Amino acid sequence: MMTPEIRFKTITSLQDVVPHASLAPRVVPRRVLMCPPTYFEVKDANNAFMADNIGGVDWDKAQQQWSKLKETIENCGFPVEIIEPIAGFEDMVFTANQVLPFAKFGGEPSVIVGQMAFPTRQREVPFFEKWFQAHGYNLLSIPADCERFEGGGDGIWHADLGLLWVGVGQRTSEKSCDELARILEVPVVKLKLVSPKFYHLDTAFAVLDSQSVLVYPGAFDRTGLELIRFYFKNVVEISESDANNFAGNAFALDRNVILQRGSISTCEELGRLQFVPHEVDTSEFMKSGGSVYCMTQMVY
């Protein structure tokens, strides 16, 4: 069992890493939460990808792309749960951001409720709280003075181990890391995001399994890359062009990896590591700065 010094630890450098052998196993969810893009559109510019795409979404094409993504996930053997879209909430389709699900030491499913940076997204959170509460989850939150935490967009689990990676500096505040470690009772690795373009951790960091990860190096500082290389045996560094094509927003389901089509070198590397890439088209959602992982949330 992890000692309190390890369980509540925020890792910021190689000097304070927790060895792999000290990490507890994690219960991995096997279902996926999605929200239909019924009201999806680009209304304002909350990130660099949105600026030139306001009012530019092809709605019919977006519905088709979302349905194909859902079908691909189901074909990989993972049932899809649906949260109903609400009129006036154009970004609800990006279900990664509003909460972070977990099951502490194999106990009851819980979620940490997000504190979103933008008011338009803050208003989505109560609908997700209602959904998770109706499905038997315990709802928790970090203190308000921790400022911001954007759920699964910036908090990514280390596959089947009790270690949480948190991207800070763009949307999620550094203050949140210590509170996340306290609530989750697992070590938290703090990664500083240095590029405004890669505003969430999930835009440049995709955990494939406990030993493998996709990373766009340009999104992180030297210390962050050192920590990533310490914990992962297989670090696939994706190119800038593949990163701009949202290869870093891939979604791993066992040995299957779903990602935006067209990242040839990334797909080749996935194949080399015995993963099976499934390319889909999410071009309409990329106009809003999101792709495959952004539209999914693993749930129990």
Protein backbone atom coordinates (compact mmCIF):
# COMPACT_ATOMS: atom_id res chain seq x y z
CA MET A 1 0.00 0.00 0.00
CA MET A 2 1.22 3.49 -0.79
CA THR A 3 2.36 5.60 2.15
CA PRO A 4 0.65 8.99 2.72
CA GLU A 5 3.82 10.70 1.48
CA ILE A 6 3.38 8.97 -1.87
CA ARG A 7 -0.43 9.02 -2.09
CA PHE A 8 -0.71 12.79 -1.67
CA LYS A 9 2.37 13.75 -3.65
CA THR A 10 2.63 16.26 -6.50
CA ILE A 11 5.55 15.34 -8.74
CA THR A 12 7.27 18.30 -10.38
CA SER A 13 10.75 16.97 -11.27
CA LEU A 14 12.86 13.83 -11.50
CA GLN A 15 14.03 14.48 -7.94
CA ASP A 16 10.62 13.59 -6.48
CA VAL A 17 9.32 10.83 -8.75
CA VAL A 18 7.46 7.86 -7.26
CA PRO A 19 8.89 4.54 -8.53
CA HIS A 20 6.65 2.40 -10.71
CA ALA A 21 6.69 -0.39 -8.14
CA SER A 22 5.13 1.93 -5.55
CA LEU A 23 2.10 2.79 -7.69
CA ALA A 24 -1.19 1.12 -6.89
CA PRO A 25 -3.30 -0.58 -9.60
CA ARG A 26 -6.32 1.32 -10.89
CA VAL A 27 -9.74 0.05 -11.85
CA VAL A 28 -10.12 1.01 -15.51
CA PRO A 29 -13.59 1.97 -16.77
CA ARG A 30 -14.92 0.09 -19.79
CA ARG A 31 -17.65 2.38 -21.11
CA VAL A 32 -17.53 5.69 -22.96
CA LEU A 33 -19.69 8.78 -22.43
CA MET A 34 -20.52 10.87 -25.50
CA CYS A 35 -22.89 13.74 -26.31
CA PRO A 36 -24.52 14.10 -29.75
CA PRO A 37 -23.49 17.31 -31.57
CA THR A 38 -27.09 18.45 -32.02
CA TYR A 39 -26.29 22.05 -31.13
CA PHE A 40 -22.59 22.08 -32.03
CA GLU A 41 -21.20 25.22 -33.66
CA VAL A 42 -18.25 27.58 -33.37
CA LYS A 43 -19.58 30.80 -31.84
CA ASP A 44 -16.45 32.44 -30.42
CA ALA A 45 -12.68 31.96 -30.26
CA ASN A 46 -11.63 30.31 -27.00
CA ASN A 47 -8.53 28.77 -28.58
CA ALA A 48 -6.26 29.23 -31.59
CA PHE A 49 -8.13 26.72 -33.74
CA MET A 50 -11.47 28.52 -33.45
CA ALA A 51 -10.45 31.98 -34.62
CA ASP A 52 -10.97 31.40 -38.35
CA ASN A 53 -13.92 29.03 -38.05
CA ILE A 54 -16.68 31.03 -36.36
CA GLY A 55 -19.94 30.11 -38.05
CA GLY A 56 -18.12 27.65 -40.31
CA VAL A 57 -19.38 24.25 -39.14
CA ASP A 58 -21.07 21.95 -41.66
CA TRP A 59 -23.75 20.61 -39.32
CA ASP A 60 -24.76 17.56 -41.39
CA LYS A 61 -21.14 16.55 -41.82
CA ALA A 62 -20.53 16.95 -38.09
CA GLN A 63 -23.44 14.58 -37.31
CA GLN A 64 -22.03 11.99 -39.71
CA GLN A 65 -18.52 12.25 -38.26
CA TRP A 66 -19.77 11.93 -34.69
CA SER A 67 -21.88 8.87 -35.57
CA LYS A 68 -18.90 7.20 -37.25
CA LEU A 69 -16.73 7.85 -34.19
CA LYS A 70 -19.40 6.33 -31.94
CA GLU A 71 -19.66 3.30 -34.23
CA THR A 72 -15.87 2.86 -34.22
CA ILE A 73 -15.75 2.93 -30.42
CA GLU A 74 -18.54 0.34 -30.20
CA ASN A 75 -16.78 -1.86 -32.77
CA CYS A 76 -13.73 -1.84 -30.49
CA GLY A 77 -15.91 -3.47 -27.82
CA PHE A 78 -16.72 -0.46 -25.65
CA PRO A 79 -20.41 0.45 -25.07
CA VAL A 80 -21.30 4.12 -25.47
CA GLU A 81 -23.44 5.97 -22.93
CA ILE A 82 -25.23 9.16 -24.03
CA ILE A 83 -25.74 12.44 -22.22
CA GLU A 84 -28.49 14.44 -23.86
CA PRO A 85 -27.41 17.69 -25.56
CA ILE A 86 -28.94 20.96 -24.37
CA ALA A 87 -29.87 23.84 -26.68
CA GLY A 88 -27.50 26.75 -26.33
CA PHE A 89 -24.57 24.60 -25.17
CA GLU A 90 -22.59 24.17 -28.34
CA ASP A 91 -19.53 22.58 -26.69
CA MET A 92 -21.28 19.80 -24.73
CA VAL A 93 -20.12 17.42 -27.46
CA PHE A 94 -16.63 17.65 -25.92
CA THR A 95 -17.38 15.39 -22.95
CA ALA A 96 -13.75 15.03 -21.81
CA ASN A 97 -13.68 18.35 -19.99
CA GLN A 98 -16.48 18.75 -17.46
CA VAL A 99 -15.47 16.09 -14.90
CA LEU A 100 -12.76 13.57 -14.03
CA PRO A 101 -14.15 10.10 -13.17
CA PHE A 102 -12.34 7.74 -10.79
CA ALA A 103 -12.94 4.84 -8.39
CA LYS A 104 -10.70 5.21 -5.36
CA PHE A 105 -9.06 1.88 -4.44
CA GLY A 106 -11.77 0.02 -6.33
CA GLY A 107 -14.57 1.68 -4.40
CA GLU A 108 -17.67 3.48 -5.58
CA PRO A 109 -17.40 5.47 -8.80
CA SER A 110 -16.85 9.18 -8.24
CA VAL A 111 -16.16 12.30 -10.26
CA ILE A 112 -14.26 15.47 -9.54
CA VAL A 113 -16.36 18.30 -10.92
CA GLY A 114 -14.49 20.68 -13.23
CA GLN A 115 -14.01 24.41 -12.76
CA MET A 116 -13.97 25.68 -16.34
CA ALA A 117 -12.13 28.77 -17.53
CA PHE A 118 -14.87 30.17 -19.79
CA PRO A 119 -18.45 31.02 -18.70
CA THR A 120 -19.95 29.25 -21.72
CA ARG A 121 -18.39 26.01 -20.55
CA GLN A 122 -19.04 26.59 -16.86
CA ARG A 123 -22.75 26.41 -17.61
CA GLU A 124 -22.38 22.88 -19.02
CA VAL A 125 -21.08 21.42 -15.77
CA PRO A 126 -24.41 21.15 -13.85
CA PHE A 127 -25.86 18.95 -16.61
CA PHE A 128 -22.93 16.58 -16.25
CA GLU A 129 -23.26 16.63 -12.47
CA LYS A 130 -26.90 15.62 -12.88
CA TRP A 131 -26.01 12.77 -15.26
CA PHE A 132 -23.30 11.33 -13.04
CA GLN A 133 -25.40 11.66 -9.90
CA ALA A 134 -28.26 9.82 -11.62
CA HIS A 135 -25.81 7.04 -12.48
CA GLY A 136 -24.68 6.54 -8.89
CA TYR A 137 -21.49 8.58 -8.82
CA ASN A 138 -20.23 10.46 -5.79
CA LEU A 139 -19.64 14.12 -6.70
CA LEU A 140 -16.55 15.90 -5.38
CA SER A 141 -14.93 19.24 -6.17
CA ILE A 142 -11.69 21.06 -5.53
CA PRO A 143 -11.84 24.29 -3.48
CA ALA A 144 -12.77 27.45 -5.36
CA ASP A 145 -9.45 29.09 -4.51
CA CYS A 146 -7.71 26.47 -6.67
CA GLU A 147 -9.12 28.54 -9.54
CA ARG A 148 -9.47 26.15 -12.50
CA PHE A 149 -9.52 22.45 -13.33
CA GLU A 150 -10.76 21.34 -16.74
CA GLY A 151 -11.53 17.70 -15.98
CA GLY A 152 -10.34 14.97 -18.31
CA GLY A 153 -9.02 17.50 -20.79
CA ASP A 154 -6.12 18.25 -18.46
CA GLY A 155 -6.23 15.24 -16.12
CA ILE A 156 -5.22 11.96 -17.78
CA TRP A 157 -4.80 8.65 -15.97
CA HIS A 158 -1.71 6.50 -16.41
CA ALA A 159 -3.64 3.61 -17.94
CA ASP A 160 -4.14 0.95 -15.21
CA LEU A 161 -1.94 2.57 -12.57
CA GLY A 162 -2.85 5.07 -9.85
CA LEU A 163 -0.96 8.01 -11.27
CA LEU A 164 -2.59 11.14 -12.70
CA TRP A 165 -0.97 13.41 -15.28
CA VAL A 166 -2.15 17.03 -15.10
CA GLY A 167 -1.45 19.72 -17.68
CA VAL A 168 -1.22 23.22 -16.19
CA GLY A 169 -0.64 26.74 -17.41
CA GLN A 170 -3.25 27.23 -20.11
CA ARG A 171 -6.63 26.20 -18.65
CA THR A 172 -5.94 24.27 -15.43
CA SER A 173 -4.15 26.10 -12.61
CA GLU A 174 -1.08 24.78 -10.83
CA LYS A 175 -2.91 25.21 -7.51
CA SER A 176 -5.26 22.36 -8.41
CA CYS A 177 -2.57 19.65 -8.43
CA ASP A 178 -2.11 19.33 -4.66
CA GLU A 179 -5.89 19.18 -4.15
CA LEU A 180 -6.27 16.52 -6.84
CA ALA A 181 -3.63 14.39 -5.12
CA ARG A 182 -5.42 14.86 -1.80
CA ILE A 183 -8.84 13.89 -3.13
CA LEU A 184 -7.69 11.03 -5.35
CA GLU A 185 -5.02 9.77 -2.95
CA VAL A 186 -2.62 9.09 -5.82
CA PRO A 187 0.52 10.89 -6.98
CA VAL A 188 -0.07 13.69 -9.50
CA VAL A 189 2.51 14.55 -12.16
CA LYS A 190 2.41 18.24 -13.02
CA LEU A 191 3.22 19.02 -16.66
CA LYS A 192 3.57 22.64 -17.72
CA LEU A 193 1.95 23.36 -21.09
CA VAL A 194 4.11 25.94 -22.84
CA SER A 195 2.22 26.48 -26.12
CA PRO A 196 -1.12 28.33 -26.20
CA LYS A 197 -2.05 26.27 -29.25
CA PHE A 198 -1.95 23.06 -27.22
CA TYR A 199 -4.20 24.39 -24.51
CA HIS A 200 -5.25 21.07 -22.94
CA LEU A 201 -3.03 18.14 -22.04
CA ASP A 202 -5.14 15.87 -24.23
CA THR A 203 -4.21 17.83 -27.36
CA ALA A 204 -0.57 16.72 -27.10
CA PHE A 205 -0.45 13.68 -24.80
CA ALA A 206 -2.24 10.36 -25.33
CA VAL A 207 -1.65 7.43 -22.97
CA LEU A 208 -1.76 4.17 -24.93
CA ASP A 209 -1.00 1.74 -22.11
CA SER A 210 1.07 1.75 -18.93
CA GLN A 211 4.30 1.70 -20.95
CA SER A 212 3.41 3.71 -24.07
CA VAL A 213 2.40 7.29 -24.83
CA LEU A 214 2.01 9.65 -27.80
CA VAL A 215 3.57 13.07 -27.14
CA TYR A 216 4.09 16.27 -29.07
CA PRO A 217 7.36 17.57 -27.53
CA GLY A 218 6.69 21.19 -28.49
CA ALA A 219 3.84 21.38 -25.99
CA PHE A 220 6.06 20.74 -22.93
CA ASP A 221 9.11 22.13 -21.18
CA ARG A 222 12.27 20.08 -20.61
CA THR A 223 11.25 18.95 -17.13
CA GLY A 224 7.90 17.69 -18.37
CA LEU A 225 9.53 15.66 -21.12
CA GLU A 226 11.96 14.17 -18.60
CA LEU A 227 9.07 13.05 -16.42
CA ILE A 228 7.24 11.55 -19.38
CA ARG A 229 10.34 9.61 -20.43
CA PHE A 230 10.84 8.36 -16.87
CA TYR A 231 7.39 6.82 -16.59
CA PHE A 232 6.92 5.51 -20.14
CA LYS A 233 9.18 2.96 -21.83
CA ASN A 234 7.76 3.77 -25.26
CA VAL A 235 7.51 7.50 -25.95
CA VAL A 236 6.26 8.16 -29.48
CA GLU A 237 7.16 11.75 -30.32
CA ILE A 238 4.73 12.96 -32.95
CA SER A 239 5.70 15.55 -35.53
CA GLU A 240 4.44 19.12 -35.57
CA SER A 241 2.32 18.41 -38.64
CA ASP A 242 0.73 15.35 -36.99
CA ALA A 243 0.21 17.35 -33.78
CA ASN A 244 -1.61 20.03 -35.78
CA ASN A 245 -3.69 17.18 -37.20
CA PHE A 246 -4.65 16.26 -33.60
CA ALA A 247 -2.72 12.98 -33.49
CA GLY A 248 -2.01 13.82 -29.86
CA ASN A 249 -5.76 13.71 -29.21
CA ALA A 250 -5.89 9.98 -29.92
CA PHE A 251 -8.11 7.66 -27.87
CA ALA A 252 -6.75 4.25 -26.84
CA LEU A 253 -9.11 1.33 -26.18
CA ASP A 254 -7.04 -1.75 -25.33
CA ARG A 255 -4.80 -2.28 -28.39
CA ASN A 256 -7.01 -0.08 -30.58
CA VAL A 257 -6.14 3.59 -31.07
CA ILE A 258 -8.69 5.91 -32.67
CA LEU A 259 -7.30 9.12 -34.17
CA GLN A 260 -7.93 11.76 -36.80
CA ARG A 261 -7.13 10.44 -40.25
CA GLY A 262 -4.02 11.55 -42.12
CA SER A 263 -1.23 11.23 -39.52
CA ILE A 264 0.77 8.67 -41.48
CA SER A 265 3.98 8.60 -39.43
CA THR A 266 2.05 8.34 -36.15
CA CYS A 267 0.02 5.42 -37.47
CA GLU A 268 3.23 3.69 -38.55
CA GLU A 269 4.67 4.08 -35.05
CA LEU A 270 1.48 2.74 -33.51
CA GLY A 271 1.71 -0.32 -35.74
CA ARG A 272 5.35 -0.84 -34.74
CA LEU A 273 4.23 -1.03 -31.11
CA GLN A 274 1.51 -3.56 -31.99
CA PHE A 275 -1.37 -1.10 -31.67
CA VAL A 276 -4.14 -1.03 -34.28
CA PRO A 277 -4.84 2.51 -35.55
CA HIS A 278 -8.41 3.38 -36.56
CA GLU A 279 -8.50 6.59 -38.59
CA VAL A 280 -11.68 8.66 -38.50
CA ASP A 281 -12.63 12.09 -39.78
CA THR A 282 -13.23 14.73 -37.10
CA SER A 283 -12.48 17.75 -39.29
CA GLU A 284 -15.65 19.63 -38.31
CA PHE A 285 -14.80 19.34 -34.62
CA MET A 286 -11.20 20.33 -35.22
CA LYS A 287 -12.60 23.73 -36.20
CA SER A 288 -13.42 24.13 -32.51
CA GLY A 289 -10.06 22.81 -31.30
CA GLY A 290 -11.10 19.24 -30.53
CA SER A 291 -10.91 15.76 -31.98
CA VAL A 292 -11.41 12.14 -30.91
CA TYR A 293 -10.35 12.22 -27.25
CA CYS A 294 -12.14 15.53 -26.63
CA MET A 295 -15.44 13.92 -27.61
CA THR A 296 -15.12 10.98 -25.21
CA GLN A 297 -15.06 10.32 -21.48
CA MET A 298 -14.31 6.91 -19.94
CA VAL A 299 -16.97 5.98 -17.38
CA TYR A 300 -17.70 3.05 -15.05
